[in-house]
N, C-alpha and C. Protein backbone atom coordinates (compact mmCIF):
# COMPACT_ATOMS: atom_id res chain seq x y z
N MET A 1 -48.59 -28.05 -68.74
CA MET A 1 -47.35 -27.55 -69.25
C MET A 1 -47.00 -26.24 -68.57
N GLU A 2 -45.75 -26.05 -68.35
CA GLU A 2 -45.28 -24.81 -67.75
C GLU A 2 -45.16 -23.73 -68.84
N PRO A 3 -45.64 -22.52 -68.56
CA PRO A 3 -45.48 -21.44 -69.54
C PRO A 3 -44.00 -21.23 -69.87
N THR A 4 -43.72 -21.02 -71.14
CA THR A 4 -42.34 -20.92 -71.60
C THR A 4 -42.19 -19.78 -72.60
N ILE A 5 -41.09 -19.06 -72.50
CA ILE A 5 -40.73 -18.04 -73.47
C ILE A 5 -39.42 -18.46 -74.11
N LEU A 6 -39.43 -18.60 -75.44
CA LEU A 6 -38.21 -18.96 -76.17
C LEU A 6 -37.54 -17.69 -76.68
N THR A 7 -36.23 -17.59 -76.48
CA THR A 7 -35.47 -16.42 -76.92
C THR A 7 -34.27 -16.87 -77.74
N ASP A 8 -33.61 -15.92 -78.35
CA ASP A 8 -32.40 -16.18 -79.14
C ASP A 8 -32.62 -17.21 -80.24
N LEU A 9 -33.82 -17.22 -80.82
CA LEU A 9 -34.12 -18.17 -81.90
C LEU A 9 -33.46 -17.72 -83.18
N LYS A 10 -32.81 -18.63 -83.86
CA LYS A 10 -32.15 -18.39 -85.13
C LYS A 10 -32.75 -19.34 -86.17
N PRO A 11 -32.63 -19.02 -87.47
CA PRO A 11 -33.19 -19.90 -88.51
C PRO A 11 -32.68 -21.34 -88.44
N SER A 12 -31.53 -21.57 -87.84
CA SER A 12 -30.99 -22.93 -87.74
C SER A 12 -31.65 -23.75 -86.63
N ILE A 13 -32.46 -23.13 -85.79
CA ILE A 13 -33.14 -23.81 -84.69
C ILE A 13 -34.55 -24.18 -85.16
N ALA A 14 -34.94 -25.44 -84.96
CA ALA A 14 -36.24 -25.93 -85.46
C ALA A 14 -37.42 -25.06 -85.00
N ALA A 15 -37.42 -24.62 -83.77
CA ALA A 15 -38.54 -23.83 -83.23
C ALA A 15 -38.72 -22.50 -83.96
N TYR A 16 -37.68 -22.02 -84.64
CA TYR A 16 -37.77 -20.76 -85.39
C TYR A 16 -38.84 -20.86 -86.47
N HIS A 17 -38.98 -22.03 -87.09
CA HIS A 17 -39.90 -22.21 -88.20
C HIS A 17 -41.19 -22.96 -87.84
N GLU A 18 -41.35 -23.36 -86.59
CA GLU A 18 -42.51 -24.14 -86.19
C GLU A 18 -43.65 -23.26 -85.69
N GLU A 19 -44.86 -23.76 -85.85
CA GLU A 19 -46.04 -23.11 -85.28
C GLU A 19 -46.22 -23.69 -83.87
N LEU A 20 -46.02 -22.88 -82.87
CA LEU A 20 -46.03 -23.36 -81.49
C LEU A 20 -47.41 -23.20 -80.87
N PHE A 21 -47.78 -24.16 -80.04
CA PHE A 21 -49.06 -24.14 -79.35
C PHE A 21 -48.82 -24.27 -77.86
N GLY A 22 -49.86 -24.04 -77.09
CA GLY A 22 -49.73 -24.16 -75.64
C GLY A 22 -49.24 -22.85 -75.05
N PRO A 23 -48.82 -22.92 -73.82
CA PRO A 23 -48.34 -21.69 -73.18
C PRO A 23 -46.88 -21.42 -73.57
N VAL A 24 -46.63 -21.24 -74.88
CA VAL A 24 -45.28 -20.99 -75.38
C VAL A 24 -45.28 -19.74 -76.24
N ALA A 25 -44.32 -18.87 -76.01
CA ALA A 25 -44.17 -17.66 -76.82
C ALA A 25 -42.75 -17.59 -77.35
N SER A 26 -42.62 -17.15 -78.59
CA SER A 26 -41.31 -16.90 -79.17
C SER A 26 -41.06 -15.41 -79.09
N PHE A 27 -39.90 -15.03 -78.57
CA PHE A 27 -39.57 -13.61 -78.38
C PHE A 27 -38.36 -13.28 -79.22
N TYR A 28 -38.51 -12.31 -80.13
CA TYR A 28 -37.43 -11.91 -81.02
C TYR A 28 -37.09 -10.44 -80.78
N VAL A 29 -35.82 -10.12 -80.84
CA VAL A 29 -35.37 -8.73 -80.81
C VAL A 29 -34.81 -8.43 -82.19
N VAL A 30 -35.34 -7.39 -82.83
CA VAL A 30 -34.91 -7.03 -84.18
C VAL A 30 -34.40 -5.59 -84.19
N LYS A 31 -33.64 -5.25 -85.22
CA LYS A 31 -33.00 -3.93 -85.26
C LYS A 31 -33.92 -2.80 -85.72
N ASP A 32 -34.95 -3.15 -86.52
CA ASP A 32 -35.82 -2.08 -87.02
C ASP A 32 -37.15 -2.65 -87.50
N GLU A 33 -38.03 -1.75 -87.90
CA GLU A 33 -39.38 -2.13 -88.31
C GLU A 33 -39.38 -3.08 -89.50
N GLN A 34 -38.55 -2.79 -90.52
CA GLN A 34 -38.54 -3.64 -91.71
C GLN A 34 -38.07 -5.06 -91.37
N THR A 35 -37.12 -5.18 -90.47
CA THR A 35 -36.66 -6.51 -90.05
C THR A 35 -37.78 -7.27 -89.34
N ALA A 36 -38.59 -6.56 -88.56
CA ALA A 36 -39.74 -7.18 -87.89
C ALA A 36 -40.76 -7.67 -88.91
N ILE A 37 -41.01 -6.86 -89.94
CA ILE A 37 -41.95 -7.25 -90.99
C ILE A 37 -41.42 -8.47 -91.73
N ASP A 38 -40.14 -8.46 -92.08
CA ASP A 38 -39.53 -9.60 -92.77
C ASP A 38 -39.62 -10.86 -91.92
N LEU A 39 -39.38 -10.73 -90.62
CA LEU A 39 -39.47 -11.88 -89.72
C LEU A 39 -40.90 -12.42 -89.67
N ALA A 40 -41.87 -11.52 -89.58
CA ALA A 40 -43.27 -11.94 -89.53
C ALA A 40 -43.67 -12.69 -90.80
N ASN A 41 -43.10 -12.30 -91.92
CA ASN A 41 -43.43 -12.94 -93.20
C ASN A 41 -42.60 -14.18 -93.48
N ASP A 42 -41.61 -14.47 -92.65
CA ASP A 42 -40.75 -15.65 -92.84
C ASP A 42 -41.36 -16.86 -92.15
N SER A 43 -42.53 -17.27 -92.63
CA SER A 43 -43.26 -18.38 -92.02
C SER A 43 -44.10 -19.08 -93.08
N ASP A 44 -44.22 -20.39 -92.93
CA ASP A 44 -45.11 -21.15 -93.80
C ASP A 44 -46.54 -21.10 -93.27
N PHE A 45 -46.73 -20.52 -92.10
CA PHE A 45 -48.03 -20.47 -91.47
C PHE A 45 -48.61 -19.07 -91.68
N GLY A 46 -49.37 -18.56 -90.78
CA GLY A 46 -49.87 -17.20 -90.92
C GLY A 46 -51.37 -17.09 -90.87
N LEU A 47 -52.01 -17.86 -90.00
CA LEU A 47 -53.46 -17.74 -89.86
C LEU A 47 -53.85 -16.41 -89.23
N GLY A 48 -53.02 -15.92 -88.33
CA GLY A 48 -53.35 -14.66 -87.67
C GLY A 48 -52.16 -14.08 -86.95
N GLY A 49 -52.23 -12.81 -86.69
CA GLY A 49 -51.17 -12.13 -85.97
C GLY A 49 -51.68 -10.85 -85.36
N SER A 50 -50.83 -10.24 -84.55
CA SER A 50 -51.19 -8.99 -83.87
C SER A 50 -50.04 -8.01 -83.94
N ILE A 51 -50.40 -6.75 -84.05
CA ILE A 51 -49.45 -5.65 -84.01
C ILE A 51 -49.87 -4.77 -82.83
N PHE A 52 -48.93 -4.49 -81.95
CA PHE A 52 -49.23 -3.62 -80.81
C PHE A 52 -48.45 -2.32 -80.97
N THR A 53 -49.18 -1.20 -80.99
CA THR A 53 -48.57 0.10 -81.20
C THR A 53 -49.45 1.19 -80.63
N GLN A 54 -48.85 2.32 -80.28
CA GLN A 54 -49.62 3.49 -79.86
C GLN A 54 -50.06 4.31 -81.06
N ASN A 55 -49.44 4.08 -82.21
CA ASN A 55 -49.73 4.83 -83.42
C ASN A 55 -50.55 3.95 -84.37
N ILE A 56 -51.85 4.13 -84.39
CA ILE A 56 -52.74 3.28 -85.18
C ILE A 56 -52.43 3.36 -86.67
N GLU A 57 -52.11 4.53 -87.19
CA GLU A 57 -51.77 4.66 -88.62
C GLU A 57 -50.52 3.85 -88.95
N ARG A 58 -49.55 3.88 -88.07
CA ARG A 58 -48.33 3.06 -88.26
C ARG A 58 -48.71 1.58 -88.24
N GLY A 59 -49.58 1.18 -87.33
CA GLY A 59 -50.04 -0.20 -87.26
C GLY A 59 -50.71 -0.64 -88.54
N LYS A 60 -51.53 0.23 -89.11
CA LYS A 60 -52.21 -0.09 -90.38
C LYS A 60 -51.19 -0.24 -91.51
N ARG A 61 -50.19 0.64 -91.54
CA ARG A 61 -49.17 0.59 -92.59
C ARG A 61 -48.37 -0.70 -92.49
N ILE A 62 -48.03 -1.10 -91.26
CA ILE A 62 -47.30 -2.35 -91.05
C ILE A 62 -48.19 -3.53 -91.43
N ALA A 63 -49.44 -3.50 -91.01
CA ALA A 63 -50.38 -4.60 -91.30
C ALA A 63 -50.49 -4.84 -92.80
N ASP A 64 -50.45 -3.78 -93.60
CA ASP A 64 -50.54 -3.92 -95.05
C ASP A 64 -49.35 -4.68 -95.64
N GLN A 65 -48.26 -4.78 -94.88
CA GLN A 65 -47.05 -5.42 -95.38
C GLN A 65 -46.87 -6.85 -94.87
N ILE A 66 -47.78 -7.32 -94.03
CA ILE A 66 -47.65 -8.65 -93.44
C ILE A 66 -48.63 -9.60 -94.10
N ASP A 67 -48.10 -10.73 -94.53
CA ASP A 67 -48.90 -11.76 -95.20
C ASP A 67 -49.49 -12.68 -94.15
N SER A 68 -50.74 -12.41 -93.77
CA SER A 68 -51.41 -13.18 -92.72
C SER A 68 -52.90 -13.25 -93.03
N GLY A 69 -53.52 -14.34 -92.62
CA GLY A 69 -54.96 -14.49 -92.85
C GLY A 69 -55.76 -13.44 -92.13
N MET A 70 -55.47 -13.22 -90.86
CA MET A 70 -56.14 -12.20 -90.04
C MET A 70 -55.05 -11.43 -89.32
N LEU A 71 -55.21 -10.14 -89.22
CA LEU A 71 -54.23 -9.33 -88.50
C LEU A 71 -54.98 -8.33 -87.64
N PHE A 72 -54.61 -8.25 -86.39
CA PHE A 72 -55.28 -7.38 -85.43
C PHE A 72 -54.31 -6.31 -84.97
N ILE A 73 -54.81 -5.14 -84.66
CA ILE A 73 -54.00 -4.07 -84.11
C ILE A 73 -54.46 -3.83 -82.69
N ASN A 74 -53.52 -3.95 -81.76
CA ASN A 74 -53.74 -3.77 -80.32
C ASN A 74 -54.78 -4.73 -79.75
N HIS A 75 -54.79 -5.93 -80.28
CA HIS A 75 -55.69 -6.97 -79.78
C HIS A 75 -55.07 -8.33 -80.07
N PRO A 76 -55.08 -9.24 -79.09
CA PRO A 76 -54.53 -10.57 -79.37
C PRO A 76 -55.41 -11.32 -80.36
N THR A 77 -54.83 -12.20 -81.12
CA THR A 77 -55.60 -12.94 -82.12
C THR A 77 -56.60 -13.86 -81.48
């Protein structure tokens, strides 16, 4: 499979709500931190996730707000 990046995903598009596998990444642009948290929590899945930040305390604060089985800071799942 060719590596693929999906952009401009909206809730009306099936891939917005799917758990994707393979060399596929979903890329979202959001207006602020709370919108990013809301987006991360808008999933029926959630085995793991990652937060990338230069501010570790901020990463911990965000991690506390995300409903995920495992959450990593500055490390891929």
